[in-house]
Structures are given as C-alpha cells and as structure tokens.
Amino acid sequence: MALNSAEFHDLIDAAQNAVEDVLDDSDLDVDVENSGGVLTLRFANRSQVILSRQEALGQLWVAARSGGFHLNYDADAARWYCPASDEALGELLTRVVEEQTGEQLDFAEL
C-alpha cells in the first residue's frame, strides 16, 4: 500500500519526534536540529546522524558514518524498515548511535 503525502509526512514527523524524545530523555551530549524535514543529530565528537524524508520515493533516509540507509514503511509492522541492513529504524539508530558515540540508547519503539 502506497502512502499518500499527508500520511507519509505524519509518519516521518512521528518518527523524528520519537527520536528527539529518546535523546531528550538521555544524558547524551547531542545537538538536535529539525529544519525543513531534516533531523540532524550532532554529537560531542563532531559526528552526525541525519534523518531526511524522501517524499518522491516514499522513504526515510538515514545517513551515518557507517553509510546511507533507505527505509520503507512497513504498514503491517507499523515501522520504518531498511531492507539492505535488515533492521527496523529503532535497531538501526541504536546501532549507529552506539558506533558513533559509544553510548547505548534504546530506540526500540521505532
């Protein structure tokens, strides 16, 4: 099932807000900027993770030190999922944040 534009943006907004909530509840030193649909996480070690919406493709893209990941929305599981890494968004973010910061955060709900 393809998402319409409003559904797509609502799902991306919800995912980005959930990421911000996890970071707000953590002790991790991170600068969070959400501008124009792009969520940029800047860590104390100067590394970044960027979540951006790709409406034309209906995808959520995550850029991290370990690479770029293109996630599709799985309506049955109600989650963003990356077929290339075989990870849900929460698993992917937990991994890349730990790789880049050494800190373990729980993004499992994503």
N, C-alpha and C. Protein backbone atom coordinates (compact mmCIF):
# COMPACT_ATOMS: atom_id res chain seq x y z
N MET A 1 0.83 -1.18 0.00
CA MET A 1 0.00 0.00 0.00
C MET A 1 0.88 1.24 0.00
N ALA A 2 0.71 2.10 -0.95
CA ALA A 2 1.46 3.35 -1.02
C ALA A 2 0.83 4.38 -0.09
N LEU A 3 1.68 5.15 0.54
CA LEU A 3 1.21 6.20 1.44
C LEU A 3 0.87 7.45 0.64
N ASN A 4 -0.18 8.14 1.05
CA ASN A 4 -0.41 9.44 0.43
C ASN A 4 0.51 10.45 1.11
N SER A 5 0.60 11.63 0.56
CA SER A 5 1.55 12.63 1.03
C SER A 5 1.34 12.97 2.51
N ALA A 6 0.11 13.16 2.92
CA ALA A 6 -0.17 13.52 4.31
C ALA A 6 0.24 12.40 5.26
N GLU A 7 -0.08 11.16 4.90
CA GLU A 7 0.30 10.02 5.73
C GLU A 7 1.81 9.92 5.84
N PHE A 8 2.49 10.06 4.70
CA PHE A 8 3.94 9.99 4.67
C PHE A 8 4.55 11.02 5.64
N HIS A 9 4.13 12.27 5.52
CA HIS A 9 4.68 13.33 6.36
C HIS A 9 4.34 13.10 7.83
N ASP A 10 3.13 12.63 8.13
CA ASP A 10 2.75 12.34 9.52
C ASP A 10 3.65 11.25 10.10
N LEU A 11 3.92 10.21 9.32
CA LEU A 11 4.77 9.11 9.80
C LEU A 11 6.21 9.55 10.01
N ILE A 12 6.73 10.37 9.11
CA ILE A 12 8.09 10.88 9.27
C ILE A 12 8.17 11.79 10.49
N ASP A 13 7.18 12.69 10.62
CA ASP A 13 7.17 13.59 11.78
C ASP A 13 7.14 12.80 13.08
N ALA A 14 6.32 11.76 13.13
CA ALA A 14 6.21 10.94 14.34
C ALA A 14 7.54 10.25 14.64
N ALA A 15 8.19 9.72 13.62
CA ALA A 15 9.48 9.04 13.81
C ALA A 15 10.53 10.04 14.31
N GLN A 16 10.59 11.20 13.68
CA GLN A 16 11.58 12.19 14.08
C GLN A 16 11.31 12.69 15.50
N ASN A 17 10.05 12.89 15.85
CA ASN A 17 9.71 13.32 17.21
C ASN A 17 10.09 12.25 18.23
N ALA A 18 9.89 10.99 17.89
CA ALA A 18 10.24 9.89 18.78
C ALA A 18 11.75 9.83 18.99
N VAL A 19 12.52 10.08 17.94
CA VAL A 19 13.99 10.13 18.07
C VAL A 19 14.38 11.26 19.02
N GLU A 20 13.78 12.42 18.84
CA GLU A 20 14.08 13.56 19.72
C GLU A 20 13.72 13.24 21.17
N ASP A 21 12.60 12.54 21.39
CA ASP A 21 12.19 12.18 22.75
C ASP A 21 13.22 11.27 23.42
N VAL A 22 13.71 10.28 22.68
CA VAL A 22 14.73 9.38 23.24
C VAL A 22 15.97 10.17 23.62
N LEU A 23 16.40 11.06 22.75
CA LEU A 23 17.59 11.86 23.02
C LEU A 23 17.38 12.81 24.20
N ASP A 24 16.18 13.42 24.29
CA ASP A 24 15.86 14.31 25.40
C ASP A 24 15.91 13.58 26.73
N ASP A 25 15.52 12.31 26.73
CA ASP A 25 15.49 11.52 27.96
C ASP A 25 16.85 10.91 28.31
N SER A 26 17.83 11.10 27.46
CA SER A 26 19.16 10.52 27.69
C SER A 26 20.10 11.58 28.26
N ASP A 27 21.27 11.12 28.69
CA ASP A 27 22.32 12.03 29.17
C ASP A 27 23.34 12.33 28.07
N LEU A 28 23.06 11.88 26.87
CA LEU A 28 23.99 12.03 25.76
C LEU A 28 24.11 13.50 25.37
N ASP A 29 25.34 13.95 25.15
CA ASP A 29 25.60 15.31 24.71
C ASP A 29 25.38 15.36 23.19
N VAL A 30 24.22 15.88 22.79
CA VAL A 30 23.86 15.91 21.37
C VAL A 30 23.10 17.19 21.06
N ASP A 31 23.42 17.78 19.93
CA ASP A 31 22.71 18.95 19.43
C ASP A 31 21.72 18.45 18.38
N VAL A 32 20.46 18.76 18.56
CA VAL A 32 19.41 18.28 17.67
C VAL A 32 18.85 19.48 16.90
N GLU A 33 18.82 19.35 15.57
CA GLU A 33 18.24 20.39 14.73
C GLU A 33 17.25 19.75 13.78
N ASN A 34 16.02 20.28 13.77
CA ASN A 34 15.00 19.80 12.86
C ASN A 34 14.59 20.97 11.99
N SER A 35 15.00 20.91 10.73
CA SER A 35 14.75 22.01 9.82
C SER A 35 14.40 21.49 8.44
N GLY A 36 13.27 21.93 7.92
CA GLY A 36 12.87 21.54 6.57
C GLY A 36 12.69 20.05 6.40
N GLY A 37 12.26 19.38 7.46
CA GLY A 37 12.03 17.94 7.36
C GLY A 37 13.28 17.10 7.50
N VAL A 38 14.40 17.74 7.83
CA VAL A 38 15.67 17.03 8.02
C VAL A 38 16.04 17.13 9.50
N LEU A 39 16.22 15.96 10.14
CA LEU A 39 16.61 15.91 11.54
C LEU A 39 18.10 15.60 11.60
N THR A 40 18.87 16.54 12.14
CA THR A 40 20.32 16.38 12.23
C THR A 40 20.71 16.23 13.69
N LEU A 41 21.45 15.15 13.98
CA LEU A 41 21.95 14.89 15.32
C LEU A 41 23.46 15.11 15.28
N ARG A 42 23.95 16.07 16.06
CA ARG A 42 25.38 16.36 16.11
C ARG A 42 25.89 15.99 17.50
N PHE A 43 26.81 15.04 17.54
CA PHE A 43 27.32 14.53 18.80
C PHE A 43 28.57 15.28 19.22
N ALA A 44 28.95 15.13 20.49
CA ALA A 44 30.10 15.85 21.06
C ALA A 44 31.39 15.56 20.29
N ASN A 45 31.49 14.37 19.71
CA ASN A 45 32.71 14.02 18.96
C ASN A 45 32.68 14.53 17.52
N ARG A 46 31.71 15.38 17.22
CA ARG A 46 31.53 16.04 15.93
C ARG A 46 30.97 15.14 14.83
N SER A 47 30.62 13.91 15.17
CA SER A 47 29.98 13.06 14.16
C SER A 47 28.49 13.41 14.11
N GLN A 48 27.85 13.00 13.04
CA GLN A 48 26.44 13.32 12.83
C GLN A 48 25.67 12.09 12.36
N VAL A 49 24.38 12.11 12.66
CA VAL A 49 23.41 11.19 12.05
C VAL A 49 22.31 12.10 11.52
N ILE A 50 21.92 11.86 10.27
CA ILE A 50 20.92 12.71 9.63
C ILE A 50 19.76 11.84 9.16
N LEU A 51 18.55 12.24 9.53
CA LEU A 51 17.33 11.57 9.06
C LEU A 51 16.60 12.54 8.15
N SER A 52 16.36 12.12 6.91
CA SER A 52 15.69 13.00 5.96
C SER A 52 14.56 12.27 5.24
N ARG A 53 13.57 13.03 4.88
CA ARG A 53 12.42 12.47 4.17
C ARG A 53 12.64 12.57 2.67
N GLN A 54 12.32 11.51 1.98
CA GLN A 54 12.42 11.47 0.53
C GLN A 54 11.02 11.15 0.00
N GLU A 55 10.21 12.21 -0.11
CA GLU A 55 8.80 12.02 -0.43
C GLU A 55 8.60 11.35 -1.78
N ALA A 56 9.37 11.73 -2.78
CA ALA A 56 9.18 11.17 -4.12
C ALA A 56 9.33 9.64 -4.12
N LEU A 57 10.18 9.14 -3.23
CA LEU A 57 10.42 7.69 -3.14
C LEU A 57 9.61 7.05 -2.01
N GLY A 58 8.97 7.87 -1.17
CA GLY A 58 8.24 7.35 -0.03
C GLY A 58 9.16 6.72 0.99
N GLN A 59 10.36 7.28 1.15
CA GLN A 59 11.36 6.68 2.02
C GLN A 59 11.86 7.66 3.08
N LEU A 60 12.36 7.08 4.15
CA LEU A 60 13.10 7.80 5.18
C LEU A 60 14.55 7.40 5.00
N TRP A 61 15.43 8.38 4.85
CA TRP A 61 16.85 8.10 4.67
C TRP A 61 17.59 8.44 5.95
N VAL A 62 18.54 7.58 6.30
CA VAL A 62 19.40 7.81 7.46
C VAL A 62 20.84 7.80 6.96
N ALA A 63 21.55 8.88 7.26
CA ALA A 63 22.97 8.97 6.91
C ALA A 63 23.76 8.91 8.21
N ALA A 64 24.75 8.02 8.24
CA ALA A 64 25.59 7.84 9.42
C ALA A 64 27.02 7.56 8.95
N ARG A 65 27.95 7.49 9.87
CA ARG A 65 29.33 7.18 9.50
C ARG A 65 29.43 5.87 8.73
N SER A 66 28.61 4.91 9.12
CA SER A 66 28.69 3.57 8.51
C SER A 66 27.98 3.49 7.16
N GLY A 67 27.34 4.57 6.72
CA GLY A 67 26.73 4.56 5.40
C GLY A 67 25.38 5.24 5.36
N GLY A 68 24.76 5.10 4.20
CA GLY A 68 23.43 5.65 3.99
C GLY A 68 22.43 4.51 3.94
N PHE A 69 21.28 4.70 4.57
CA PHE A 69 20.27 3.66 4.67
C PHE A 69 18.93 4.21 4.20
N HIS A 70 18.25 3.46 3.35
CA HIS A 70 16.96 3.86 2.80
C HIS A 70 15.89 2.96 3.40
N LEU A 71 14.97 3.56 4.13
CA LEU A 71 13.95 2.81 4.83
C LEU A 71 12.59 3.00 4.18
N ASN A 72 11.85 1.91 4.09
CA ASN A 72 10.48 1.92 3.59
C ASN A 72 9.55 1.72 4.77
N TYR A 73 8.32 2.19 4.63
CA TYR A 73 7.35 1.99 5.70
C TYR A 73 6.66 0.65 5.51
N ASP A 74 6.71 -0.17 6.55
CA ASP A 74 6.03 -1.47 6.56
C ASP A 74 4.73 -1.28 7.34
N ALA A 75 3.62 -1.16 6.61
CA ALA A 75 2.34 -0.89 7.25
C ALA A 75 1.90 -2.04 8.15
N ASP A 76 2.21 -3.27 7.78
CA ASP A 76 1.82 -4.42 8.61
C ASP A 76 2.50 -4.38 9.97
N ALA A 77 3.78 -4.01 9.99
CA ALA A 77 4.52 -3.94 11.25
C ALA A 77 4.44 -2.55 11.88
N ALA A 78 3.90 -1.59 11.13
CA ALA A 78 3.80 -0.19 11.57
C ALA A 78 5.17 0.35 11.97
N ARG A 79 6.17 0.11 11.11
CA ARG A 79 7.54 0.56 11.37
C ARG A 79 8.25 0.88 10.07
N TRP A 80 9.24 1.77 10.18
CA TRP A 80 10.16 2.01 9.08
C TRP A 80 11.19 0.89 9.10
N TYR A 81 11.53 0.36 7.94
CA TYR A 81 12.37 -0.82 7.84
C TYR A 81 13.38 -0.65 6.71
N CYS A 82 14.63 -1.05 6.96
CA CYS A 82 15.70 -0.97 5.96
C CYS A 82 15.99 -2.36 5.42
N PRO A 83 15.60 -2.65 4.18
CA PRO A 83 15.86 -3.98 3.62
C PRO A 83 17.35 -4.28 3.45
N ALA A 84 18.17 -3.27 3.20
CA ALA A 84 19.59 -3.50 2.96
C ALA A 84 20.32 -3.99 4.21
N SER A 85 19.96 -3.44 5.37
CA SER A 85 20.63 -3.84 6.61
C SER A 85 19.78 -4.81 7.43
N ASP A 86 18.55 -5.07 6.98
CA ASP A 86 17.63 -5.97 7.67
C ASP A 86 17.34 -5.48 9.09
N GLU A 87 17.11 -4.16 9.22
CA GLU A 87 16.86 -3.56 10.53
C GLU A 87 15.66 -2.64 10.47
N ALA A 88 14.90 -2.61 11.56
CA ALA A 88 13.89 -1.58 11.75
C ALA A 88 14.61 -0.29 12.12
N LEU A 89 13.95 0.83 11.99
CA LEU A 89 14.57 2.13 12.28
C LEU A 89 15.17 2.15 13.68
N GLY A 90 14.46 1.63 14.67
CA GLY A 90 14.96 1.64 16.04
C GLY A 90 16.26 0.86 16.20
N GLU A 91 16.32 -0.30 15.57
CA GLU A 91 17.54 -1.12 15.62
C GLU A 91 18.70 -0.38 14.94
N LEU A 92 18.41 0.20 13.79
CA LEU A 92 19.43 0.93 13.04
C LEU A 92 19.98 2.10 13.85
N LEU A 93 19.08 2.90 14.44
CA LEU A 93 19.54 4.06 15.22
C LEU A 93 20.29 3.64 16.47
N THR A 94 19.83 2.60 17.14
CA THR A 94 20.55 2.10 18.32
C THR A 94 21.97 1.73 17.93
N ARG A 95 22.13 1.04 16.81
CA ARG A 95 23.45 0.61 16.35
C ARG A 95 24.33 1.79 15.95
N VAL A 96 23.83 2.67 15.09
CA VAL A 96 24.70 3.75 14.59
C VAL A 96 25.05 4.75 15.68
N VAL A 97 24.14 5.03 16.60
CA VAL A 97 24.46 5.95 17.70
C VAL A 97 25.54 5.33 18.59
N GLU A 98 25.44 4.04 18.86
CA GLU A 98 26.47 3.38 19.67
C GLU A 98 27.81 3.36 18.93
N GLU A 99 27.77 3.07 17.62
CA GLU A 99 29.01 3.07 16.84
C GLU A 99 29.69 4.44 16.86
N GLN A 100 28.90 5.49 16.83
CA GLN A 100 29.47 6.83 16.72
C GLN A 100 29.78 7.48 18.06
N THR A 101 29.09 7.06 19.13
CA THR A 101 29.28 7.73 20.41
C THR A 101 29.77 6.80 21.52
N GLY A 102 29.62 5.50 21.33
CA GLY A 102 29.95 4.55 22.38
C GLY A 102 28.85 4.42 23.42
N GLU A 103 27.77 5.17 23.24
CA GLU A 103 26.65 5.16 24.19
C GLU A 103 25.52 4.28 23.68
N GLN A 104 24.87 3.57 24.59
CA GLN A 104 23.73 2.73 24.23
C GLN A 104 22.44 3.46 24.58
N LEU A 105 21.66 3.76 23.56
CA LEU A 105 20.34 4.34 23.76
C LEU A 105 19.32 3.36 23.21
N ASP A 106 18.12 3.42 23.75
CA ASP A 106 17.08 2.47 23.35
C ASP A 106 16.06 3.14 22.42
N PHE A 107 16.21 2.87 21.14
CA PHE A 107 15.27 3.36 20.14
C PHE A 107 14.30 2.25 19.73
N ALA A 108 14.16 1.21 20.54
CA ALA A 108 13.42 0.01 20.17
C ALA A 108 11.98 0.27 19.74
N GLU A 109 11.38 1.31 20.24
CA GLU A 109 9.97 1.57 19.92
C GLU A 109 9.77 2.10 18.50
N LEU A 110 10.85 2.40 17.81
CA LEU A 110 10.73 2.95 16.45
C LEU A 110 10.69 1.85 15.42
